[in-house]
Amino acid sequence: MERDGWLCQWHLHLGVIERATDAHHIFGRMNDVAEGIIALCHVCHMRVHSGQIPNRQIVDLQIRRGILDAEQAAKLRRHKSV
């Protein structure tokens, strides 16, 4: 949350400032690494879990932000499915 400035990164991606209240584990709670966590507001967090915001888009956002690289994302994704 601190790394993301306590701001919802999805809203920020859309050009809107919104306070983050939730930390989303992109690859599941078993992958509790900083690169795999993103700050979101509660509404966006629920939209990710309901599929309204595809998790793939969250992964792509982390890659564009330089938090993850494609190789890390692939490794964490594989670990999630095990």
Protein backbone atom coordinates (compact mmCIF):
# COMPACT_ATOMS: atom_id res chain seq x y z
CA MET A 1 0.00 0.00 0.00
CA GLU A 2 2.82 2.35 0.86
CA ARG A 3 4.63 1.61 -2.42
CA ASP A 4 1.46 2.54 -4.30
CA GLY A 5 1.07 5.81 -2.39
CA TRP A 6 -2.16 4.64 -0.74
CA LEU A 7 -3.90 5.24 -4.08
CA CYS A 8 -6.09 2.88 -6.08
CA GLN A 9 -3.83 1.90 -8.95
CA TRP A 10 -6.72 1.00 -11.26
CA HIS A 11 -8.30 4.44 -10.83
CA LEU A 12 -4.87 6.06 -11.23
CA HIS A 13 -4.43 4.10 -14.48
CA LEU A 14 -7.72 5.68 -15.62
CA GLY A 15 -6.51 9.16 -14.63
CA VAL A 16 -8.60 9.41 -11.45
CA ILE A 17 -7.30 9.87 -7.91
CA GLU A 18 -9.02 7.51 -5.45
CA ARG A 19 -7.81 6.40 -2.02
CA ALA A 20 -6.81 2.73 -1.77
CA THR A 21 -8.36 0.72 1.03
CA ASP A 22 -7.53 -2.84 -0.04
CA ALA A 23 -4.45 -4.81 -1.00
CA HIS A 24 -5.23 -7.30 -3.78
CA HIS A 25 -3.11 -10.46 -4.04
CA ILE A 26 -2.93 -10.78 -7.81
CA PHE A 27 -1.73 -14.39 -7.78
CA GLY A 28 -3.57 -15.48 -4.64
CA ARG A 29 -2.67 -15.20 -0.99
CA MET A 30 -0.22 -18.10 -1.25
CA ASN A 31 1.99 -15.81 -3.37
CA ASP A 32 2.43 -13.14 -0.73
CA VAL A 33 5.22 -11.23 -2.47
CA ALA A 34 5.21 -7.44 -2.79
CA GLU A 35 5.31 -7.55 -6.60
CA GLY A 36 2.13 -9.62 -6.62
CA ILE A 37 0.12 -7.17 -4.50
CA ILE A 38 -1.57 -4.00 -5.75
CA ALA A 39 -3.39 -1.23 -3.88
CA LEU A 40 -7.02 -0.84 -4.92
CA CYS A 41 -10.10 0.89 -3.59
CA HIS A 42 -12.72 -1.50 -2.24
CA VAL A 43 -14.98 -1.09 -5.29
CA CYS A 44 -12.17 -1.96 -7.74
CA HIS A 45 -11.08 -4.85 -5.53
CA MET A 46 -14.58 -6.33 -5.67
CA ARG A 47 -14.71 -5.70 -9.44
CA VAL A 48 -11.50 -7.73 -9.87
CA HIS A 49 -12.90 -10.61 -7.80
CA SER A 50 -16.19 -10.56 -9.73
CA GLY A 51 -14.37 -10.57 -13.08
CA GLN A 52 -15.54 -7.09 -14.12
CA ILE A 53 -11.87 -6.09 -14.18
CA PRO A 54 -9.97 -9.09 -15.56
CA ASN A 55 -7.01 -10.12 -13.40
CA ARG A 56 -4.94 -10.20 -16.60
CA GLN A 57 -5.41 -6.44 -16.90
CA ILE A 58 -4.15 -6.00 -13.33
CA VAL A 59 -1.08 -8.10 -14.19
CA ASP A 60 -0.50 -6.01 -17.33
CA LEU A 61 -0.82 -2.84 -15.24
CA GLN A 62 1.84 -4.08 -12.81
CA ILE A 63 4.13 -4.88 -15.77
CA ARG A 64 3.61 -1.42 -17.31
CA ARG A 65 4.31 0.17 -13.92
CA GLY A 66 7.62 -1.72 -13.73
CA ILE A 67 6.57 -3.60 -10.59
CA LEU A 68 6.57 -6.98 -12.34
CA ASP A 69 8.27 -8.22 -15.46
CA ALA A 70 6.67 -10.76 -17.77
CA GLU A 71 8.92 -13.57 -16.54
CA GLN A 72 8.04 -12.93 -12.88
CA ALA A 73 4.35 -12.79 -13.77
CA ALA A 74 4.54 -16.12 -15.60
CA LYS A 75 6.34 -17.75 -12.67
CA LEU A 76 3.82 -16.45 -10.13
CA ARG A 77 0.91 -17.45 -12.37
CA ARG A 78 2.27 -21.03 -12.64
CA HIS A 79 2.72 -21.21 -8.87
CA LYS A 80 -0.88 -20.09 -8.34
CA SER A 81 -2.26 -22.93 -10.44
CA VAL A 82 -0.30 -25.63 -8.58
